[in-house]
Amino acid sequence: MMDLVAEKIAAKASPAAVKKVRAPKKTGKASLTDKVYNLLRGEILTCALEPGRELSEAELAQRFEVSKTPVREALAKLRSEGFVRTFPRRGYQVVPITFGDMSELFDLRTILEAGAAELACARITDAELDQLQKLADVVYDRSEQPSLQRFIKANRDFHAAIARASGNDRLQLLITRQIDELERFFYLGARLRDVNSETINDHQAIVEVLRSRDPVAAREIMIKHNDITREGLFKALASSRNFAQISL
């Protein structure tokens, strides 16, 4: 049975409720496309544009004060990355969140990150380990949006650094893609519950294992970390009043 689409995490906002953003006028079409793409992508990842939100080229062009062309090209790129989908004669929609999607992404991410941690044991430098330690110590305040965004970025940088330390460029690209696709889930999970202690403990333990240069232990602790994160997210989202009719 296919997963039923999660309900929007918030009531659909009117176009006027979303802040107008001016794109730079002196740049070319390619730069305008990139600007619109980066703004939309950031809002999707942080759920400022909530899952299930319908979008139109005309409204977005008016909001960003650009023509429809860069908006259309930005949406096409987001569609290719799986962040938006199209409907004939209706426009676009931010791809809804389902538990099935999250489960598949975590399955793949666990496989990839376990391998990256194993490879990183032989390649990661002391300086990189020191930087990982700093990232592992970052905490956040759920009531402060900038604080939450810094925390999500630190989490992303932590996992991306381990992927980079694997020395395998293709593996790094695959992991980065999984981080991108799961970022909405992490953002929602961190907003719904305090994950400071859980994340700090796990990340510090990962750093210590990497310092020990034990590839088997590194693989095992990364699998455990992803399992803990997955379970916490499932529970947080399932218990949220903003989610209903989600098939597990």
C-alpha atoms as a PDB file:
ATOM      1  CA  MET A   1       0.000   0.000   0.000  1.00  0.00           C
ATOM      2  CA  MET A   2       1.401   3.360  -1.000  1.00  0.00           C
ATOM      3  CA  ASP A   3       2.155   5.859   1.721  1.00  0.00           C
ATOM      4  CA  LEU A   4      -0.588   8.402   2.184  1.00  0.00           C
ATOM      5  CA  VAL A   5       0.650  11.944   1.846  1.00  0.00           C
ATOM      6  CA  ALA A   6       1.383  13.746   5.075  1.00  0.00           C
ATOM      7  CA  GLU A   7      -0.856  16.707   5.713  1.00  0.00           C
ATOM      8  CA  LYS A   8       0.726  20.086   5.503  1.00  0.00           C
ATOM      9  CA  ILE A   9       2.621  21.023   8.626  1.00  0.00           C
ATOM     10  CA  ALA A  10       0.819  24.319   8.738  1.00  0.00           C
ATOM     11  CA  ALA A  11      -2.268  25.852   7.202  1.00  0.00           C
ATOM     12  CA  LYS A  12      -1.581  27.032   3.693  1.00  0.00           C
ATOM     13  CA  ALA A  13      -0.335  30.584   3.776  1.00  0.00           C
ATOM     14  CA  SER A  14      -1.686  33.163   1.385  1.00  0.00           C
ATOM     15  CA  PRO A  15       0.755  34.576  -1.200  1.00  0.00           C
ATOM     16  CA  ALA A  16       0.859  37.816   0.769  1.00  0.00           C
ATOM     17  CA  ALA A  17       1.994  35.967   3.872  1.00  0.00           C
ATOM     18  CA  VAL A  18       5.310  35.050   2.274  1.00  0.00           C
ATOM     19  CA  LYS A  19       7.881  37.813   2.343  1.00  0.00           C
ATOM     20  CA  LYS A  20       8.707  39.422  -0.985  1.00  0.00           C
ATOM     21  CA  VAL A  21      12.357  39.000  -1.944  1.00  0.00           C
ATOM     22  CA  ARG A  22      14.043  41.166  -4.550  1.00  0.00           C
ATOM     23  CA  ALA A  23      16.433  39.308  -6.879  1.00  0.00           C
ATOM     24  CA  PRO A  24      19.478  41.297  -8.092  1.00  0.00           C
ATOM     25  CA  LYS A  25      18.548  43.290 -11.195  1.00  0.00           C
ATOM     26  CA  LYS A  26      22.001  43.852 -12.642  1.00  0.00           C
ATOM     27  CA  THR A  27      22.838  40.189 -13.177  1.00  0.00           C
ATOM     28  CA  GLY A  28      22.055  37.938 -16.139  1.00  0.00           C
ATOM     29  CA  LYS A  29      19.330  35.337 -16.496  1.00  0.00           C
ATOM     30  CA  ALA A  30      21.575  32.528 -15.254  1.00  0.00           C
ATOM     31  CA  SER A  31      22.340  34.454 -12.068  1.00  0.00           C
ATOM     32  CA  LEU A  32      18.664  35.261 -11.539  1.00  0.00           C
ATOM     33  CA  THR A  33      17.813  31.592 -11.975  1.00  0.00           C
ATOM     34  CA  ASP A  34      20.437  30.628  -9.399  1.00  0.00           C
ATOM     35  CA  LYS A  35      19.197  33.300  -7.002  1.00  0.00           C
ATOM     36  CA  VAL A  36      15.576  32.139  -7.221  1.00  0.00           C
ATOM     37  CA  TYR A  37      16.664  28.502  -7.008  1.00  0.00           C
ATOM     38  CA  ASN A  38      18.752  29.072  -3.872  1.00  0.00           C
ATOM     39  CA  LEU A  39      16.004  31.051  -2.147  1.00  0.00           C
ATOM     40  CA  LEU A  40      13.299  28.492  -2.934  1.00  0.00           C
ATOM     41  CA  ARG A  41      15.515  25.562  -2.031  1.00  0.00           C
ATOM     42  CA  GLY A  42      16.384  27.120   1.317  1.00  0.00           C
ATOM     43  CA  GLU A  43      12.728  27.767   2.112  1.00  0.00           C
ATOM     44  CA  ILE A  44      11.776  24.200   1.189  1.00  0.00           C
ATOM     45  CA  LEU A  45      14.553  22.681   3.307  1.00  0.00           C
ATOM     46  CA  THR A  46      13.577  24.749   6.352  1.00  0.00           C
ATOM     47  CA  CYS A  47       9.851  24.197   5.690  1.00  0.00           C
ATOM     48  CA  ALA A  48       9.181  27.925   5.287  1.00  0.00           C
ATOM     49  CA  LEU A  49       7.496  26.546   2.172  1.00  0.00           C
ATOM     50  CA  GLU A  50       5.759  23.654   3.884  1.00  0.00           C
ATOM     51  CA  PRO A  51       5.365  20.135   2.436  1.00  0.00           C
ATOM     52  CA  GLY A  52       2.356  20.055   0.121  1.00  0.00           C
ATOM     53  CA  ARG A  53       2.413  23.816  -0.536  1.00  0.00           C
ATOM     54  CA  GLU A  54       1.203  24.702  -4.043  1.00  0.00           C
ATOM     55  CA  LEU A  55       3.333  27.109  -6.067  1.00  0.00           C
ATOM     56  CA  SER A  56       2.734  29.080  -9.249  1.00  0.00           C
ATOM     57  CA  GLU A  57       5.208  30.676 -11.612  1.00  0.00           C
ATOM     58  CA  ALA A  58       3.228  33.922 -11.678  1.00  0.00           C
ATOM     59  CA  GLU A  59       3.095  34.324  -7.897  1.00  0.00           C
ATOM     60  CA  LEU A  60       6.771  33.476  -7.467  1.00  0.00           C
ATOM     61  CA  ALA A  61       7.794  35.831 -10.277  1.00  0.00           C
ATOM     62  CA  GLN A  62       5.850  38.628  -8.587  1.00  0.00           C
ATOM     63  CA  ARG A  63       7.324  37.810  -5.210  1.00  0.00           C
ATOM     64  CA  PHE A  64      10.939  37.754  -6.431  1.00  0.00           C
ATOM     65  CA  GLU A  65      10.330  40.650  -8.848  1.00  0.00           C
ATOM     66  CA  VAL A  66      11.646  38.746 -11.858  1.00  0.00           C
ATOM     67  CA  SER A  67      10.158  37.364 -15.068  1.00  0.00           C
ATOM     68  CA  LYS A  68       8.681  33.868 -15.229  1.00  0.00           C
ATOM     69  CA  THR A  69      11.712  32.457 -17.083  1.00  0.00           C
ATOM     70  CA  PRO A  70      14.189  32.258 -14.159  1.00  0.00           C
ATOM     71  CA  VAL A  71      11.360  31.028 -11.913  1.00  0.00           C
ATOM     72  CA  ARG A  72      10.476  28.279 -14.388  1.00  0.00           C
ATOM     73  CA  GLU A  73      14.128  27.239 -14.705  1.00  0.00           C
ATOM     74  CA  ALA A  74      14.627  27.234 -10.926  1.00  0.00           C
ATOM     75  CA  LEU A  75      11.516  25.091 -10.441  1.00  0.00           C
ATOM     76  CA  ALA A  76      12.712  22.687 -13.141  1.00  0.00           C
ATOM     77  CA  LYS A  77      15.976  22.216 -11.257  1.00  0.00           C
ATOM     78  CA  LEU A  78      14.152  21.681  -7.963  1.00  0.00           C
ATOM     79  CA  ARG A  79      11.910  19.167  -9.698  1.00  0.00           C
ATOM     80  CA  SER A  80      14.946  17.221 -10.946  1.00  0.00           C
ATOM     81  CA  GLU A  81      16.216  17.084  -7.347  1.00  0.00           C
ATOM     82  CA  GLY A  82      12.907  15.774  -6.033  1.00  0.00           C
ATOM     83  CA  PHE A  83      11.889  18.864  -4.038  1.00  0.00           C
ATOM     84  CA  VAL A  84       8.897  19.914  -6.157  1.00  0.00           C
ATOM     85  CA  ARG A  85       6.532  18.150  -8.527  1.00  0.00           C
ATOM     86  CA  THR A  86       4.270  19.378 -11.313  1.00  0.00           C
ATOM     87  CA  PHE A  87       0.574  18.977 -12.026  1.00  0.00           C
ATOM     88  CA  PRO A  88      -0.960  19.683 -15.460  1.00  0.00           C
ATOM     89  CA  ARG A  89      -2.862  22.991 -15.466  1.00  0.00           C
ATOM     90  CA  ARG A  90      -2.314  23.367 -11.711  1.00  0.00           C
ATOM     91  CA  GLY A  91       1.329  24.361 -11.409  1.00  0.00           C
ATOM     92  CA  TYR A  92       3.802  23.051  -8.861  1.00  0.00           C
ATOM     93  CA  GLN A  93       3.746  21.562  -5.384  1.00  0.00           C
ATOM     94  CA  VAL A  94       6.416  21.166  -2.718  1.00  0.00           C
ATOM     95  CA  VAL A  95       6.819  17.391  -2.470  1.00  0.00           C
ATOM     96  CA  PRO A  96       4.941  16.154   0.632  1.00  0.00           C
ATOM     97  CA  ILE A  97       6.692  14.268   3.403  1.00  0.00           C
ATOM     98  CA  THR A  98       5.888  10.603   3.996  1.00  0.00           C
ATOM     99  CA  PHE A  99       7.275   8.047   6.401  1.00  0.00           C
ATOM    100  CA  GLY A 100       7.964   5.768   3.452  1.00  0.00           C
ATOM    101  CA  ASP A 101      10.264   8.371   1.918  1.00  0.00           C
ATOM    102  CA  MET A 102      12.048   8.907   5.208  1.00  0.00           C
ATOM    103  CA  SER A 103      12.550   5.185   5.738  1.00  0.00           C
ATOM    104  CA  GLU A 104      14.010   4.686   2.256  1.00  0.00           C
ATOM    105  CA  LEU A 105      16.325   7.665   2.635  1.00  0.00           C
ATOM    106  CA  PHE A 106      17.588   6.464   6.017  1.00  0.00           C
ATOM    107  CA  ASP A 107      18.177   2.955   4.645  1.00  0.00           C
ATOM    108  CA  LEU A 108      20.364   4.394   1.905  1.00  0.00           C
ATOM    109  CA  ARG A 109      22.063   6.973   4.098  1.00  0.00           C
ATOM    110  CA  THR A 110      22.977   4.356   6.709  1.00  0.00           C
ATOM    111  CA  ILE A 111      24.655   2.183   4.084  1.00  0.00           C
ATOM    112  CA  LEU A 112      26.567   5.119   2.599  1.00  0.00           C
ATOM    113  CA  GLU A 113      27.642   6.766   5.855  1.00  0.00           C
ATOM    114  CA  ALA A 114      28.737   3.501   7.448  1.00  0.00           C
ATOM    115  CA  GLY A 115      31.075   2.985   4.503  1.00  0.00           C
ATOM    116  CA  ALA A 116      32.304   6.574   4.634  1.00  0.00           C
ATOM    117  CA  ALA A 117      33.104   6.332   8.352  1.00  0.00           C
ATOM    118  CA  GLU A 118      35.023   3.112   7.764  1.00  0.00           C
ATOM    119  CA  LEU A 119      37.104   4.689   4.992  1.00  0.00           C
ATOM    120  CA  ALA A 120      37.620   7.931   6.932  1.00  0.00           C
ATOM    121  CA  CYS A 121      39.411   6.117   9.756  1.00  0.00           C
ATOM    122  CA  ALA A 122      42.480   5.683   7.576  1.00  0.00           C
ATOM    123  CA  ARG A 123      42.406   9.145   5.995  1.00  0.00           C
ATOM    124  CA  ILE A 124      41.020  11.743   8.383  1.00  0.00           C
ATOM    125  CA  THR A 125      43.583  14.182   9.780  1.00  0.00           C
ATOM    126  CA  ASP A 126      43.941  15.424  13.346  1.00  0.00           C
ATOM    127  CA  ALA A 127      42.918  18.901  12.185  1.00  0.00           C
ATOM    128  CA  GLU A 128      39.760  17.488  10.621  1.00  0.00           C
ATOM    129  CA  LEU A 129      39.003  15.588  13.821  1.00  0.00           C
ATOM    130  CA  ASP A 130      39.398  18.791  15.832  1.00  0.00           C
ATOM    131  CA  GLN A 131      36.942  20.530  13.509  1.00  0.00           C
ATOM    132  CA  LEU A 132      34.500  17.639  13.880  1.00  0.00           C
ATOM    133  CA  GLN A 133      34.724  18.037  17.649  1.00  0.00           C
ATOM    134  CA  LYS A 134      33.734  21.696  17.382  1.00  0.00           C
ATOM    135  CA  LEU A 135      30.766  20.808  15.178  1.00  0.00           C
ATOM    136  CA  ALA A 136      29.755  18.047  17.588  1.00  0.00           C
ATOM    137  CA  ASP A 137      29.465  20.569  20.432  1.00  0.00           C
ATOM    138  CA  VAL A 138      26.963  22.890  18.706  1.00  0.00           C
ATOM    139  CA  VAL A 139      23.597  23.194  20.488  1.00  0.00           C
ATOM    140  CA  TYR A 140      20.417  25.116  19.723  1.00  0.00           C
ATOM    141  CA  ASP A 141      17.361  26.769  21.254  1.00  0.00           C
ATOM    142  CA  ARG A 142      14.082  25.557  19.726  1.00  0.00           C
ATOM    143  CA  SER A 143      12.473  28.947  20.299  1.00  0.00           C
ATOM    144  CA  GLU A 144      15.066  30.777  18.192  1.00  0.00           C
ATOM    145  CA  GLN A 145      15.000  30.284  14.432  1.00  0.00           C
ATOM    146  CA  PRO A 146      18.606  31.421  13.783  1.00  0.00           C
ATOM    147  CA  SER A 147      19.820  29.065  16.511  1.00  0.00           C
ATOM    148  CA  LEU A 148      17.960  26.151  14.941  1.00  0.00           C
ATOM    149  CA  GLN A 149      19.355  26.968  11.508  1.00  0.00           C
ATOM    150  CA  ARG A 150      22.922  27.068  12.875  1.00  0.00           C
ATOM    151  CA  PHE A 151      22.370  23.694  14.515  1.00  0.00           C
ATOM    152  CA  ILE A 152      21.041  22.122  11.307  1.00  0.00           C
ATOM    153  CA  LYS A 153      24.013  23.535   9.393  1.00  0.00           C
ATOM    154  CA  ALA A 154      26.454  22.172  11.984  1.00  0.00           C
ATOM    155  CA  ASN A 155      24.829  18.746  11.709  1.00  0.00           C
ATOM    156  CA  ARG A 156      25.101  18.897   7.936  1.00  0.00           C
ATOM    157  CA  ASP A 157      28.731  20.024   8.080  1.00  0.00           C
ATOM    158  CA  PHE A 158      29.568  17.240  10.549  1.00  0.00           C
ATOM    159  CA  HIS A 159      28.302  14.460   8.310  1.00  0.00           C
ATOM    160  CA  ALA A 160      29.623  16.094   5.139  1.00  0.00           C
ATOM    161  CA  ALA A 161      33.104  16.349   6.688  1.00  0.00           C
ATOM    162  CA  ILE A 162      33.174  12.617   7.410  1.00  0.00           C
ATOM    163  CA  ALA A 163      32.029  11.900   3.861  1.00  0.00           C
ATOM    164  CA  ARG A 164      34.778  14.161   2.524  1.00  0.00           C
ATOM    165  CA  ALA A 165      37.370  12.472   4.745  1.00  0.00           C
ATOM    166  CA  SER A 166      36.501   9.133   3.140  1.00  0.00           C
ATOM    167  CA  GLY A 167      38.554  10.250   0.147  1.00  0.00           C
ATOM    168  CA  ASN A 168      35.898   8.943  -2.246  1.00  0.00           C
ATOM    169  CA  ASP A 169      34.418  11.778  -4.289  1.00  0.00           C
ATOM    170  CA  ARG A 170      31.512   9.736  -5.633  1.00  0.00           C
ATOM    171  CA  LEU A 171      30.575   8.545  -2.166  1.00  0.00           C
ATOM    172  CA  GLN A 172      30.745  12.119  -0.906  1.00  0.00           C
ATOM    173  CA  LEU A 173      28.347  13.286  -3.640  1.00  0.00           C
ATOM    174  CA  LEU A 174      25.871  10.524  -2.847  1.00  0.00           C
ATOM    175  CA  ILE A 175      25.925  11.299   0.875  1.00  0.00           C
ATOM    176  CA  THR A 176      25.527  15.020   0.239  1.00  0.00           C
ATOM    177  CA  ARG A 177      22.410  14.269  -1.802  1.00  0.00           C
ATOM    178  CA  GLN A 178      20.970  12.189   1.037  1.00  0.00           C
ATOM    179  CA  ILE A 179      21.730  14.960   3.525  1.00  0.00           C
ATOM    180  CA  ASP A 180      19.852  17.403   1.299  1.00  0.00           C
ATOM    181  CA  GLU A 181      16.812  15.159   0.960  1.00  0.00           C
ATOM    182  CA  LEU A 182      16.651  14.455   4.695  1.00  0.00           C
ATOM    183  CA  GLU A 183      17.235  18.026   5.828  1.00  0.00           C
ATOM    184  CA  ARG A 184      13.504  18.806   5.946  1.00  0.00           C
ATOM    185  CA  PHE A 185      13.003  15.839   8.271  1.00  0.00           C
ATOM    186  CA  PHE A 186      15.864  16.938  10.531  1.00  0.00           C
ATOM    187  CA  TYR A 187      14.540  20.481  10.654  1.00  0.00           C
ATOM    188  CA  LEU A 188      11.058  19.322  11.626  1.00  0.00           C
ATOM    189  CA  GLY A 189      12.378  16.823  14.143  1.00  0.00           C
ATOM    190  CA  ALA A 190      14.629  19.363  15.853  1.00  0.00           C
ATOM    191  CA  ARG A 191      11.757  21.831  15.983  1.00  0.00           C
ATOM    192  CA  LEU A 192       9.345  19.309  17.508  1.00  0.00           C
ATOM    193  CA  ARG A 193      11.687  17.978  20.205  1.00  0.00           C
ATOM    194  CA  ASP A 194      14.969  18.866  21.896  1.00  0.00           C
ATOM    195  CA  VAL A 195      17.679  16.721  20.297  1.00  0.00           C
ATOM    196  CA  ASN A 196      20.665  18.544  21.827  1.00  0.00           C
ATOM    197  CA  SER A 197      21.720  15.799  24.235  1.00  0.00           C
ATOM    198  CA  GLU A 198      21.104  12.968  21.775  1.00  0.00           C
ATOM    199  CA  THR A 199      23.042  14.643  18.967  1.00  0.00           C
ATOM    200  CA  ILE A 200      25.969  15.789  21.110  1.00  0.00           C
ATOM    201  CA  ASN A 201      26.411  12.362  22.690  1.00  0.00           C
ATOM    202  CA  ASP A 202      26.272  10.561  19.344  1.00  0.00           C
ATOM    203  CA  HIS A 203      28.541  12.982  17.505  1.00  0.00           C
ATOM    204  CA  GLN A 204      31.142  13.067  20.277  1.00  0.00           C
ATOM    205  CA  ALA A 205      31.176   9.264  20.345  1.00  0.00           C
ATOM    206  CA  ILE A 206      31.675   9.184  16.573  1.00  0.00           C
ATOM    207  CA  VAL A 207      34.639  11.565  16.847  1.00  0.00           C
ATOM    208  CA  GLU A 208      36.256   9.408  19.524  1.00  0.00           C
ATOM    209  CA  VAL A 209      35.890   6.267  17.418  1.00  0.00           C
ATOM    210  CA  LEU A 210      37.395   8.029  14.403  1.00  0.00           C
ATOM    211  CA  ARG A 211      40.327   9.113  16.596  1.00  0.00           C
ATOM    212  CA  SER A 212      40.865   5.473  17.532  1.00  0.00           C
ATOM    213  CA  ARG A 213      41.199   4.613  13.815  1.00  0.00           C
ATOM    214  CA  ASP A 214      39.025   1.514  14.261  1.00  0.00           C
ATOM    215  CA  PRO A 215      37.128   1.002  10.959  1.00  0.00           C
ATOM    216  CA  VAL A 216      34.841  -1.734  12.288  1.00  0.00           C
ATOM    217  CA  ALA A 217      33.813   0.369  15.284  1.00  0.00           C
ATOM    218  CA  ALA A 218      33.346   3.405  13.023  1.00  0.00           C
ATOM    219  CA  ARG A 219      30.957   1.499  10.772  1.00  0.00           C
ATOM    220  CA  GLU A 220      28.994   0.184  13.744  1.00  0.00           C
ATOM    221  CA  ILE A 221      28.661   3.516  15.535  1.00  0.00           C
ATOM    222  CA  MET A 222      27.473   5.275  12.379  1.00  0.00           C
ATOM    223  CA  ILE A 223      24.800   2.625  11.857  1.00  0.00           C
ATOM    224  CA  LYS A 224      23.726   3.031  15.481  1.00  0.00           C
ATOM    225  CA  HIS A 225      23.628   6.821  15.156  1.00  0.00           C
ATOM    226  CA  ASN A 226      21.397   6.692  12.085  1.00  0.00           C
ATOM    227  CA  ASP A 227      19.091   4.169  13.760  1.00  0.00           C
ATOM    228  CA  ILE A 228      18.701   6.419  16.818  1.00  0.00           C
ATOM    229  CA  THR A 229      18.041   9.468  14.649  1.00  0.00           C
ATOM    230  CA  ARG A 230      15.523   7.597  12.513  1.00  0.00           C
ATOM    231  CA  GLU A 231      13.602   6.328  15.545  1.00  0.00           C
ATOM    232  CA  GLY A 232      13.514   9.759  17.153  1.00  0.00           C
ATOM    233  CA  LEU A 233      12.244  11.407  13.985  1.00  0.00           C
ATOM    234  CA  PHE A 234       9.554   8.784  13.470  1.00  0.00           C
ATOM    235  CA  LYS A 235       8.260   9.266  17.007  1.00  0.00           C
ATOM    236  CA  ALA A 236       8.364  13.061  16.832  1.00  0.00           C
ATOM    237  CA  LEU A 237       6.558  13.289  13.500  1.00  0.00           C
ATOM    238  CA  ALA A 238       4.026  10.582  14.340  1.00  0.00           C
ATOM    239  CA  SER A 239       3.052  12.330  17.569  1.00  0.00           C
ATOM    240  CA  SER A 240       2.760  15.768  15.983  1.00  0.00           C
ATOM    241  CA  ARG A 241      -0.765  17.124  15.612  1.00  0.00           C
ATOM    242  CA  ASN A 242       0.248  18.502  12.218  1.00  0.00           C
ATOM    243  CA  PHE A 243       0.612  15.022  10.754  1.00  0.00           C
ATOM    244  CA  ALA A 244      -2.230  12.610  10.146  1.00  0.00           C
ATOM    245  CA  GLN A 245      -3.117   9.656   7.925  1.00  0.00           C
ATOM    246  CA  ILE A 246       0.502   8.614   7.478  1.00  0.00           C
ATOM    247  CA  SER A 247       0.960   4.971   6.590  1.00  0.00           C
ATOM    248  CA  LEU A 248       3.879   3.319   8.334  1.00  0.00           C
END
